[in-house]
Protein backbone atom coordinates (compact mmCIF):
# COMPACT_ATOMS: atom_id res chain seq x y z
CA MET A 1 249.29 129.95 122.75
CA GLY A 2 247.04 130.29 119.71
CA ALA A 3 247.98 129.78 116.07
CA TRP A 4 247.91 133.55 115.44
CA ASP A 5 250.33 134.13 118.34
CA ILE A 6 252.77 131.63 116.80
CA VAL A 7 252.46 133.34 113.40
CA LYS A 8 253.18 136.74 114.99
CA ILE A 9 256.29 135.39 116.74
CA VAL A 10 257.59 133.81 113.53
CA MET A 11 256.87 136.99 111.53
CA GLN A 12 258.64 139.11 114.14
CA ILE A 13 261.68 136.80 114.11
CA PHE A 14 261.90 136.84 110.31
CA GLY A 15 261.29 140.58 110.21
CA GLY A 16 264.09 141.08 112.71
CA MET A 17 266.37 138.77 110.73
CA GLY A 18 265.62 140.64 107.50
CA THR A 19 266.40 143.99 109.13
CA PHE A 20 269.57 142.51 110.61
CA LEU A 21 270.74 141.14 107.22
CA ILE A 22 270.00 144.43 105.44
CA GLY A 23 272.07 146.21 108.10
CA MET A 24 274.92 143.75 107.61
CA LYS A 25 274.77 144.16 103.81
CA LEU A 26 274.82 147.96 104.06
CA LEU A 27 277.68 147.82 106.54
CA SER A 28 279.72 145.49 104.32
CA GLU A 29 279.13 147.52 101.15
CA ASN A 30 280.01 150.86 102.69
CA MET A 31 282.94 149.61 104.75
CA THR A 32 284.50 148.19 101.57
CA LYS A 33 283.71 151.42 99.76
CA VAL A 34 285.60 153.40 102.41
CA ALA A 35 288.49 150.97 102.03
CA HIS A 36 288.33 151.13 98.21
CA GLY A 37 291.37 149.55 96.61
CA ARG A 38 293.02 148.86 99.96
CA LEU A 39 291.49 145.44 100.57
CA LYS A 40 293.16 143.85 97.55
CA LYS A 41 296.45 145.55 98.42
CA MET A 42 296.21 144.11 101.93
CA LEU A 43 295.65 140.66 100.49
CA SER A 44 298.65 141.02 98.16
CA LYS A 45 300.94 141.64 101.14
CA THR A 46 300.62 138.09 102.45
CA ALA A 47 303.65 136.99 100.41
CA LYS A 48 304.75 133.62 101.82
CA SER A 49 303.96 134.35 105.46
CA ARG A 50 301.09 132.23 106.74
CA PHE A 51 300.90 134.36 109.90
CA ALA A 52 300.53 137.55 107.86
CA GLY A 53 297.85 135.78 105.82
CA VAL A 54 295.83 134.91 108.92
CA GLY A 55 296.12 138.47 110.25
CA ILE A 56 295.17 140.09 106.96
CA GLY A 57 292.31 137.63 106.42
CA ALA A 58 290.93 138.56 109.85
CA ALA A 59 291.37 142.30 109.17
CA VAL A 60 289.68 142.16 105.76
CA THR A 61 286.77 140.21 107.27
CA VAL A 62 286.34 142.80 110.01
CA LEU A 63 286.30 145.54 107.35
CA GLY A 64 283.94 143.62 105.08
CA GLN A 65 281.87 142.32 108.02
CA SER A 66 281.53 138.90 106.39
CA SER A 67 283.76 135.83 106.17
CA ALA A 68 281.74 134.76 103.11
CA PHE A 69 282.66 138.09 101.48
CA THR A 70 286.36 137.46 102.17
CA THR A 71 286.34 133.86 100.94
CA VAL A 72 284.42 134.75 97.77
CA MET A 73 286.92 137.53 97.13
CA VAL A 74 289.79 135.12 97.71
CA VAL A 75 288.26 132.58 95.30
CA GLY A 76 287.95 135.37 92.72
CA LEU A 77 291.59 136.43 93.15
CA VAL A 78 292.80 132.83 92.95
CA ASN A 79 290.62 132.40 89.87
CA ALA A 80 292.44 135.37 88.29
CA GLY A 81 295.84 133.93 89.16
CA ILE A 82 296.56 136.95 91.39
CA MET A 83 296.80 134.88 94.57
CA THR A 84 298.35 131.47 95.27
CA LEU A 85 296.58 128.63 97.04
CA PHE A 86 299.09 128.92 99.88
CA GLN A 87 298.14 132.57 100.43
CA ALA A 88 294.43 131.80 100.09
CA THR A 89 294.53 129.06 102.74
CA ALA A 90 296.05 131.30 105.40
CA ILE A 91 293.63 134.14 104.56
CA ILE A 92 290.63 131.81 104.82
CA MET A 93 291.78 130.75 108.29
CA GLY A 94 292.05 134.40 109.26
CA ALA A 95 288.61 135.15 107.83
CA ASN A 96 287.05 132.63 110.23
CA ILE A 97 288.68 134.46 113.15
CA GLY A 98 287.61 137.90 111.86
CA THR A 99 283.97 136.92 111.65
CA THR A 100 283.87 136.11 115.39
CA LEU A 101 283.77 139.85 116.11
CA ASN A 102 280.17 139.83 114.89
CA ALA A 103 279.20 137.35 117.61
CA TRP A 104 280.49 139.72 120.33
CA VAL A 105 278.56 142.64 118.77
CA ILE A 106 275.42 140.50 118.68
CA ALA A 107 275.93 139.49 122.31
CA ILE A 108 275.86 143.15 123.29
CA GLY A 109 272.62 143.43 121.34
CA GLY A 110 270.80 141.61 124.11
CA SER A 111 271.27 144.46 126.57
CA ASP A 112 269.22 147.53 127.32
CA ILE A 113 272.06 149.68 126.00
CA THR A 114 270.81 148.86 122.50
CA VAL A 115 268.44 151.84 122.85
CA VAL A 116 271.53 153.99 122.28
CA PHE A 117 272.48 152.01 119.20
CA LEU A 118 268.94 152.11 117.81
CA SER A 119 269.26 155.89 117.49
CA LEU A 120 272.22 155.37 115.15
CA ALA A 121 269.81 154.46 112.34
CA ALA A 122 268.19 157.90 112.58
CA VAL A 123 271.55 159.69 112.89
CA GLY A 124 272.95 157.91 109.85
CA VAL A 125 269.87 158.59 107.72
CA LEU A 126 269.97 162.30 108.62
CA MET A 127 273.64 162.44 107.58
CA THR A 128 272.83 160.97 104.17
CA MET A 129 269.84 163.28 103.70
CA PHE A 130 271.50 166.59 104.54
CA SER A 131 275.05 166.12 103.28
CA LYS A 132 276.16 166.30 99.66
CA LYS A 133 279.70 165.11 100.40
CA GLU A 134 280.29 161.53 99.29
CA LYS A 135 282.48 160.60 102.27
CA VAL A 136 279.96 161.96 104.79
CA THR A 137 277.14 160.07 103.04
CA THR A 138 279.12 156.83 103.13
CA ILE A 139 279.92 157.26 106.84
CA GLY A 140 276.25 158.04 107.45
CA LEU A 141 275.24 154.76 105.80
CA ILE A 142 277.77 152.89 107.96
CA ILE A 143 276.29 154.45 111.10
CA ALA A 144 272.75 153.73 109.89
CA SER A 145 273.66 150.11 109.14
CA PHE A 146 274.84 149.65 112.75
CA GLY A 147 271.48 151.00 113.87
CA LEU A 148 269.61 148.57 111.60
CA ILE A 149 271.66 145.65 112.94
CA PHE A 150 270.55 146.44 116.48
CA VAL A 151 266.97 147.14 115.38
CA GLY A 152 266.90 143.63 113.90
CA LEU A 153 268.37 142.13 117.07
CA LYS A 154 265.82 144.00 119.17
CA PHE A 155 262.97 142.62 117.03
CA MET A 156 264.19 139.04 117.40
CA SER A 157 264.84 139.51 121.11
CA GLY A 158 261.36 140.95 121.60
CA ALA A 159 259.77 138.02 119.78
CA LEU A 160 261.47 135.55 122.14
CA SER A 161 261.18 137.47 125.39
CA PHE A 162 258.67 135.35 127.30
CA GLU A 163 258.08 135.31 131.01
CA ARG A 164 259.41 132.06 132.47
CA GLY A 165 256.57 129.66 133.24
CA SER A 166 254.17 131.34 130.82
CA ALA A 167 252.28 129.30 128.22
CA GLU A 168 254.26 130.97 125.44
CA TYR A 169 257.58 130.14 127.12
CA GLU A 170 256.60 126.50 127.63
CA ALA A 171 255.35 126.11 124.04
CA VAL A 172 258.50 127.56 122.46
CA SER A 173 260.74 125.60 124.86
CA HIS A 174 258.96 122.40 123.87
CA VAL A 175 259.75 123.03 120.18
CA LEU A 176 263.37 123.96 120.86
CA THR A 177 264.03 120.93 123.05
CA ALA A 178 262.51 118.50 120.52
CA ILE A 179 265.85 118.00 118.71
CA ARG A 180 268.51 116.59 121.04
CA ASN A 181 270.68 114.53 118.72
CA PRO A 182 274.07 116.30 118.23
CA ALA A 183 274.31 115.21 114.58
CA LEU A 184 270.83 116.58 113.81
CA LEU A 185 271.65 119.87 115.55
CA LEU A 186 274.84 120.10 113.47
CA LEU A 187 272.88 119.46 110.26
CA LEU A 188 270.32 122.07 111.33
CA GLY A 189 273.10 124.65 111.66
CA ILE A 190 274.48 123.70 108.23
CA ALA A 191 271.07 123.80 106.55
CA ILE A 192 269.92 127.14 107.97
CA THR A 193 273.26 128.83 107.23
CA ALA A 194 273.34 127.47 103.68
CA LEU A 195 269.79 128.75 103.20
CA VAL A 196 270.36 132.32 104.41
CA GLN A 197 274.07 132.29 103.38
CA SER A 198 275.09 134.00 106.59
CA SER A 199 276.56 132.32 109.66
CA THR A 200 276.25 135.68 111.41
CA ALA A 201 272.45 135.56 111.03
CA VAL A 202 272.34 132.05 112.53
CA ASN A 203 274.57 133.14 115.40
CA ALA A 204 272.26 136.10 115.97
CA ILE A 205 269.25 133.78 116.31
CA ILE A 206 271.06 131.43 118.70
CA LEU A 207 272.42 134.29 120.79
CA THR A 208 269.00 135.91 120.98
CA MET A 209 267.43 132.65 122.11
CA VAL A 210 269.95 131.84 124.85
CA THR A 211 269.99 135.46 126.04
CA SER A 212 266.20 135.26 126.36
CA GLY A 213 266.60 132.21 128.63
CA LEU A 214 265.40 129.65 126.11
CA GLN A 215 267.19 126.31 126.07
CA ILE A 216 268.05 124.62 122.76
CA GLY A 217 268.02 120.83 122.61
CA GLY A 218 267.66 120.52 126.35
CA GLY A 219 270.60 122.83 127.15
CA GLY A 220 274.18 121.79 127.75
CA ASN A 221 276.25 121.69 124.56
CA ALA A 222 273.22 121.66 122.23
CA ALA A 223 273.48 125.28 121.03
CA LEU A 224 277.19 124.76 120.34
CA TYR A 225 276.46 122.01 117.80
CA ILE A 226 274.38 124.48 115.77
CA ILE A 227 277.19 127.06 115.96
CA ILE A 228 279.67 124.47 114.63
CA GLY A 229 277.22 123.56 111.85
CA SER A 230 276.91 127.21 110.85
CA ASN A 231 280.66 127.29 110.24
CA ILE A 232 280.29 124.47 107.71
CA GLY A 233 277.18 126.01 106.16
CA THR A 234 278.95 129.29 105.44
CA CYS A 235 281.26 127.41 103.03
CA VAL A 236 278.35 127.00 100.61
CA THR A 237 278.74 130.60 99.38
CA ALA A 238 282.38 130.07 98.38
CA LEU A 239 281.63 126.65 96.87
CA ILE A 240 278.89 128.14 94.69
CA SER A 241 281.19 131.01 93.65
CA SER A 242 283.82 128.50 92.45
CA LEU A 243 281.47 126.75 90.00
CA GLY A 244 282.72 127.28 86.48
CA ALA A 245 285.96 128.78 87.78
CA THR A 246 289.54 127.61 87.32
CA PRO A 247 290.79 124.47 89.10
CA ASN A 248 292.72 126.60 91.59
CA ALA A 249 289.60 128.58 92.47
CA LYS A 250 287.73 125.32 93.09
CA ARG A 251 290.61 124.21 95.29
CA ALA A 252 290.45 127.45 97.32
CA ALA A 253 286.74 126.90 97.98
CA LEU A 254 287.41 123.25 98.84
CA ILE A 255 290.16 124.25 101.30
CA HIS A 256 287.69 126.56 103.04
CA PHE A 257 285.25 123.68 103.32
CA MET A 258 287.89 121.18 104.52
CA PHE A 259 289.22 123.60 107.13
CA ASN A 260 285.79 124.14 108.64
CA LEU A 261 284.77 120.50 108.29
CA PHE A 262 287.90 119.12 109.99
CA GLY A 263 287.56 121.66 112.78
CA ALA A 264 283.89 120.75 113.21
CA VAL A 265 284.70 117.04 113.44
CA ILE A 266 287.35 117.65 116.14
CA PHE A 267 285.07 119.86 118.22
CA MET A 268 282.08 117.55 117.77
CA VAL A 269 284.10 114.67 119.21
CA VAL A 270 285.23 116.85 122.13
CA LEU A 271 281.68 118.07 122.88
CA VAL A 272 280.10 114.62 122.58
CA LEU A 273 282.66 113.14 124.98
CA TRP A 274 282.74 116.19 127.27
CA LYS A 275 279.03 116.57 127.86
CA ASP A 276 279.32 119.32 130.46
CA PHE A 277 281.77 121.42 128.37
CA ALA A 278 279.37 124.38 128.29
CA HIS A 279 278.88 124.26 132.04
CA THR A 280 282.55 123.70 132.93
CA VAL A 281 284.31 125.95 130.41
CA LEU A 282 281.85 128.56 129.18
CA GLU A 283 280.06 129.16 132.46
CA GLY A 284 283.45 129.07 134.15
CA VAL A 285 284.57 132.04 132.03
CA PHE A 286 281.24 133.90 132.04
CA PRO A 287 279.19 132.78 135.08
CA ALA A 288 275.62 134.05 135.37
CA GLY A 289 275.55 137.63 136.63
CA SER A 290 279.26 138.13 136.07
CA MET A 291 278.72 140.66 133.29
CA THR A 292 275.86 143.10 133.03
CA LEU A 293 275.33 145.92 130.59
CA GLY A 294 272.44 148.37 130.71
CA GLY A 295 270.88 146.32 133.48
CA ALA A 296 270.83 143.07 131.49
CA ASP A 297 272.72 139.85 132.26
CA MET A 298 274.99 139.30 129.28
CA ALA A 299 276.52 136.00 130.45
CA ALA A 300 274.60 133.58 128.20
CA GLY A 301 275.29 135.60 125.06
CA MET A 302 278.94 136.10 125.98
CA GLN A 303 279.34 132.34 126.43
CA ILE A 304 278.21 131.69 122.85
CA ALA A 305 280.40 134.52 121.50
CA PHE A 306 283.36 133.15 123.48
CA PHE A 307 282.82 129.63 122.12
CA HIS A 308 282.61 130.93 118.56
CA THR A 309 285.95 132.70 119.00
CA LEU A 310 287.49 129.71 120.82
CA PHE A 311 286.41 127.36 118.04
CA ASN A 312 287.84 129.43 115.17
CA VAL A 313 291.06 130.48 116.90
CA THR A 314 291.77 126.91 118.03
CA CYS A 315 291.16 125.55 114.52
CA ALA A 316 293.49 128.18 113.03
CA LEU A 317 296.24 127.33 115.53
CA LEU A 318 295.79 123.60 114.92
CA PHE A 319 295.80 123.76 111.14
CA LEU A 320 298.16 126.67 110.43
CA PRO A 321 301.25 124.39 110.42
CA PHE A 322 299.51 122.21 107.80
CA VAL A 323 298.75 124.88 105.17
CA LYS A 324 300.87 123.06 102.58
CA GLY A 325 299.05 119.85 103.46
CA PHE A 326 295.66 121.47 102.72
CA VAL A 327 297.01 122.71 99.38
CA TRP A 328 298.41 119.26 98.55
CA LEU A 329 295.12 117.52 99.39
CA ALA A 330 293.06 120.05 97.39
CA GLU A 331 295.32 119.55 94.37
CA ARG A 332 294.80 115.79 94.60
CA LEU A 333 291.03 116.09 94.94
CA VAL A 334 290.59 118.65 92.14
CA ARG A 335 292.68 117.57 89.18
CA VAL A 336 293.15 119.33 85.85
CA ARG A 337 291.74 117.54 82.83
CA GLY A 338 292.55 118.34 79.24
CA LYS A 339 294.92 121.21 80.05
CA ARG A 340 298.34 121.69 81.50
CA GLU A 341 298.30 122.73 85.14
CA HIS A 342 299.68 126.22 84.57
CA GLU A 343 298.37 126.89 81.07
CA GLU A 344 297.56 130.57 80.75
CA GLU A 345 293.90 131.37 80.31
CA LEU A 346 292.23 134.63 79.47
CA ILE A 347 289.58 135.23 82.13
CA MET A 348 287.56 138.41 82.37
CA GLU A 349 284.36 137.14 84.01
CA PRO A 350 284.46 137.70 87.78
CA ASP A 351 282.17 135.87 90.15
CA GLU A 352 278.71 137.42 90.50
CA ARG A 353 279.25 138.02 94.21
CA LEU A 354 282.56 139.73 93.50
CA LEU A 355 280.72 142.25 91.32
CA ARG A 356 278.52 143.14 94.29
CA GLN A 357 281.61 144.60 95.95
CA PRO A 358 282.44 147.34 93.39
CA SER A 359 285.84 148.32 94.82
CA VAL A 360 287.08 144.74 94.94
CA ALA A 361 285.56 143.88 91.54
CA LEU A 362 287.28 146.92 90.00
CA GLY A 363 290.63 145.80 91.39
CA TYR A 364 290.00 142.33 89.96
CA LEU A 365 289.10 143.71 86.51
CA TYR A 366 292.15 145.98 86.60
CA GLU A 367 294.42 142.98 87.13
CA GLU A 368 292.57 141.05 84.43
CA THR A 369 293.03 143.93 82.01
CA GLY A 370 296.76 143.76 82.69
CA LYS A 371 296.64 140.04 81.88
CA THR A 372 294.78 140.79 78.64
CA PHE A 373 297.43 143.38 77.77
CA SER A 374 300.08 140.67 78.14
CA TYR A 375 298.02 138.29 76.01
CA ALA A 376 297.78 140.89 73.23
CA MET A 377 301.54 141.44 73.33
CA ASP A 378 302.10 137.67 73.11
CA THR A 379 299.86 137.67 70.04
CA LEU A 380 301.95 140.42 68.46
CA ALA A 381 305.14 138.46 69.24
CA ILE A 382 303.71 135.31 67.62
CA SER A 383 302.86 137.17 64.42
CA PHE A 384 306.23 139.02 64.29
CA THR A 385 308.17 135.77 64.79
CA ALA A 386 306.07 134.17 62.05
CA PHE A 387 307.06 136.99 59.69
CA MET A 388 310.75 136.56 60.49
CA GLU A 389 310.48 132.80 59.88
CA LYS A 390 308.13 133.05 56.84
CA ASP A 391 305.59 130.91 58.73
CA VAL A 392 302.12 131.47 57.22
CA SER A 393 300.61 128.70 59.37
CA ALA A 394 300.77 130.98 62.45
CA ALA A 395 297.91 133.07 61.02
CA GLU A 396 295.28 130.72 62.48
CA LYS A 397 296.82 130.90 65.95
CA VAL A 398 296.82 134.71 65.76
CA ARG A 399 293.16 134.68 64.73
CA GLU A 400 292.38 132.35 67.64
CA HIS A 401 294.12 134.75 70.02
CA ASN A 402 292.22 137.69 68.60
CA ARG A 403 288.91 135.88 69.10
CA ALA A 404 289.86 135.42 72.76
CA LEU A 405 290.83 139.11 72.97
CA ALA A 406 287.51 140.14 71.42
CA ASN A 407 285.60 138.02 73.93
CA ALA A 408 287.65 139.43 76.82
CA ASN A 409 286.97 142.95 75.55
CA LYS A 410 283.24 142.26 75.33
CA ILE A 411 283.00 140.80 78.84
CA GLY A 412 285.35 143.37 80.36
CA SER A 413 283.46 146.30 78.80
CA ALA A 414 280.11 144.90 79.97
CA ASN A 415 281.38 144.54 83.53
CA LEU A 416 282.84 148.06 83.49
CA VAL A 417 279.46 149.40 82.35
CA ARG A 418 277.84 147.50 85.19
CA LEU A 419 280.35 148.89 87.68
CA SER A 420 279.64 152.42 86.40
CA ALA A 421 276.14 152.07 87.85
CA SER A 422 277.54 151.09 91.27
CA PRO A 423 278.40 153.52 94.07
CA LEU A 424 282.04 154.43 93.33
CA VAL A 425 284.34 157.15 94.60
CA ILE A 426 285.63 159.69 92.05
CA GLU A 427 289.00 157.95 91.72
CA GLU A 428 287.28 154.66 90.89
CA GLU A 429 284.96 156.31 88.35
CA LYS A 430 288.05 157.67 86.59
CA THR A 431 289.64 154.20 86.60
CA VAL A 432 286.50 152.65 85.06
CA SER A 433 286.54 155.26 82.30
CA ASN A 434 290.26 154.75 81.62
CA LEU A 435 289.91 150.97 81.46
CA HIS A 436 287.43 151.32 78.59
CA TYR A 437 290.15 153.10 76.59
CA VAL A 438 292.77 150.56 77.68
CA LEU A 439 290.65 147.67 76.40
CA SER A 440 290.29 149.51 73.10
CA ASP A 441 294.08 149.96 72.84
CA ILE A 442 294.57 146.26 73.61
CA MET A 443 292.24 145.36 70.74
CA ARG A 444 294.24 147.60 68.40
CA ILE A 445 297.43 145.69 69.29
CA GLY A 446 295.67 142.44 68.38
CA GLU A 447 294.56 143.93 65.05
CA LEU A 448 298.15 144.97 64.29
CA ALA A 449 299.22 141.38 64.95
CA ASP A 450 296.65 140.27 62.39
CA ASN A 451 298.17 142.77 59.91
CA PHE A 452 301.55 141.10 60.40
CA THR A 453 300.12 137.76 59.23
CA LYS A 454 299.02 139.45 55.99
CA TYR A 455 302.51 140.81 55.44
CA THR A 456 303.91 137.31 56.06
CA ARG A 457 301.60 135.84 53.42
CA GLN A 458 302.61 138.58 50.95
CA TYR A 459 306.27 138.00 51.87
CA VAL A 460 305.97 134.29 50.99
CA GLU A 461 303.56 134.39 48.04
CA GLU A 462 305.38 137.19 46.20
CA GLU A 463 308.78 135.68 47.08
CA LEU A 464 310.07 138.97 48.45
CA GLU A 465 313.66 139.24 49.59
CA PHE A 466 314.93 141.22 52.57
CA THR A 467 318.56 141.59 53.50
CA ASP A 468 319.96 140.37 56.79
CA GLU A 469 320.67 144.01 57.60
CA PHE A 470 316.98 144.90 57.25
CA LEU A 471 315.84 141.89 59.28
CA GLY A 472 318.33 142.79 62.01
CA LEU A 473 317.10 146.40 62.16
CA ILE A 474 313.45 145.36 62.26
CA ARG A 475 314.22 142.84 65.01
CA THR A 476 315.93 145.57 67.05
CA MET A 477 312.88 147.80 66.65
CA PHE A 478 310.59 145.00 67.81
CA GLU A 479 312.78 144.34 70.86
CA ASN A 480 312.44 148.02 71.77
CA VAL A 481 308.66 147.65 71.47
CA ARG A 482 308.86 144.69 73.87
CA ARG A 483 310.95 146.75 76.30
CA LEU A 484 308.34 149.50 76.08
CA TYR A 485 305.62 146.93 76.85
CA THR A 486 307.53 145.67 79.91
CA LEU A 487 307.90 149.21 81.28
CA SER A 488 304.28 150.10 80.48
CA LEU A 489 302.82 146.96 82.04
CA ALA A 490 304.81 147.52 85.25
CA ALA A 491 303.69 151.16 85.39
CA PHE A 492 300.07 150.16 84.69
CA LEU A 493 299.90 147.45 87.38
CA SER A 494 301.75 149.46 90.04
CA ARG A 495 300.20 152.79 88.92
CA ASP A 496 303.68 154.29 89.16
CA LYS A 497 303.51 157.69 87.46
CA ASN A 498 307.24 158.19 88.01
CA ALA A 499 307.89 155.47 85.40
CA LEU A 500 306.10 157.39 82.64
CA GLY A 501 309.16 159.50 81.85
CA GLU A 502 311.16 156.42 80.85
CA VAL A 503 308.15 155.09 78.91
CA ASP A 504 307.92 158.32 76.90
CA ARG A 505 311.69 158.37 76.25
CA LEU A 506 311.63 154.84 74.82
CA GLU A 507 308.50 155.54 72.78
CA ASP A 508 310.21 158.60 71.24
CA GLU A 509 313.19 156.38 70.42
CA ILE A 510 310.89 153.94 68.59
CA ASP A 511 309.35 156.83 66.61
CA ALA A 512 312.83 157.94 65.61
CA GLU A 513 313.71 154.36 64.61
CA ARG A 514 310.69 154.19 62.34
CA ASN A 515 311.57 157.49 60.62
CA ASP A 516 315.19 156.43 60.23
CA LEU A 517 314.27 153.04 58.74
CA VAL A 518 311.87 154.60 56.22
CA ASP A 519 314.47 157.22 55.21
CA ARG A 520 317.13 154.56 54.76
CA HIS A 521 314.73 152.42 52.73
CA ILE A 522 313.90 155.31 50.37
CA LYS A 523 317.61 156.03 49.99
CA ARG A 524 318.29 152.39 49.09
CA LEU A 525 315.43 152.49 46.57
CA ASN A 526 316.92 155.55 44.91
CA GLU A 527 320.30 153.86 44.78
CA GLY A 528 318.76 150.73 43.25
CA LYS A 529 319.81 148.57 46.19
CA CYS A 530 316.24 147.59 47.15
CA LYS A 531 313.40 146.25 45.01
CA PRO A 532 310.30 148.51 44.73
CA GLN A 533 307.92 145.58 45.40
CA ASN A 534 309.35 145.32 48.93
CA SER A 535 308.28 148.85 49.81
CA SER A 536 304.67 148.25 50.80
CA VAL A 537 305.54 145.43 53.21
CA PHE A 538 308.59 147.24 54.61
CA ILE A 539 306.88 150.59 55.26
CA SER A 540 303.68 148.94 56.56
CA LEU A 541 305.64 146.69 58.90
CA VAL A 542 307.69 149.43 60.57
CA GLY A 543 304.60 151.68 60.61
CA ASN A 544 302.59 148.99 62.42
CA LEU A 545 305.37 148.49 64.97
CA GLU A 546 305.37 152.22 65.65
CA ARG A 547 301.56 152.20 66.02
CA ALA A 548 301.81 149.28 68.47
CA ALA A 549 304.26 151.38 70.51
CA ASP A 550 301.74 154.24 70.52
CA HIS A 551 298.96 152.03 71.93
CA ILE A 552 301.34 150.57 74.53
CA ASN A 553 302.27 154.11 75.54
CA TYR A 554 298.58 155.09 75.82
CA ILE A 555 297.99 152.17 78.20
CA ALA A 556 300.82 153.33 80.45
CA HIS A 557 299.45 156.87 80.51
CA SER A 558 295.97 155.63 81.51
CA ILE A 559 297.16 155.81 85.14
CA GLU A 560 297.39 159.62 85.04
């Protein structure tokens, strides 16, 4: 075999891998687009059930066609405080099971029936070209992505399809059998997977090789060591996504790594001690010639796919009872420094990989906007309490909160603009537009809180006096504003339009309170029972409370 022949084989393998990865990316993007909004809802249903978590993690991975996608999404949701570490651990275990479906699909890719699947690329492209309906176009891209996956597999298979005994076969076999040490094969699987950030791509290469009759590391369990290594290598994506995130997000990524690492150690020990595991177990389940499809012997590929499933299912069953143990260990390894464990933070910057999944990123930003809404209301409460207690020192804390709100608004708006350029369904486009207005309303609430600090300073410096009756009435009005916020936040997060009637009723009540308070104040002025210098603070204060209620009401109605 000449140097040019080797170059052509390598180019064909990499070309096939590139086509395969593009197909997987298209499939993942469009599957999640079809399931817009539903993936996060599925994840939120895990509650405290570890079994539900495993099942939903597997289902989300099948929909997203990538365990890395699921784990990155989980890290992002943990980072936002939307998901607990307990939930995340069970979902990560399920994600490892869900990704095994890809190995079975790849195993089929070694048969002659792939000619049928190759035509899917053309069918899908034609659907996108001649249909103007968004749903049809999305389905067409899904079909085309399946075609590209099998085109890539066919390329790689063709590059490695040598006649036994030929010079090419002997040369490639010599290279593949050069590495026999189990630890080196494991490290090879880790390194390649970390490089391409896809365990599915590594599995595709291994499956293509064994299906073509090529032996890795002298045969036996050698190929299985690389498969185990790929499971560790796929953790790199989640670990990278956790950099700069909250401690809990780092813990979620670490749990993913520990789960795969501990499972790899157990299986490595078993395979090293049980040297004929592949022959005894895998060939026992799928003996040569036992399964053919399109005239091709699928046994070798099915053995690898079966091992991949066996490995991940066994690890999930072994470690599922110890979910709390994984959480405990992660909390000990990643400790919080300089902050209380559950100190609230304002986070609006999702992981870069999360933004590549528009539907999931939008759900994340929606939840984060709700958190920012709460933060703004806390700011208003701080400033109102400061007024009631004549505490001018709270002004700096309010300004600090408003700086955080301004930063959250800037980042949130930038990410919404970025999402606007992504392929979204009409419902999602409307949500993006509405969230821009919501962020603006949240900023207005923060500005009103800043106004309150000015009234407090005027209250103290001018030595104004307000009766207990007035302070009681203003406190009642503020409590109604807080009740309105509670109703509006619940309606916003659940998108419950049925709750808007109660929101409007309470907002009307606050408007009436404001008018009544101003009328009573003017009456007291006319009767000489109230000092004129109090008027500007009094009227401004109740007016600002009424304006805060308006913005809170607008946020609730953003779901329409």
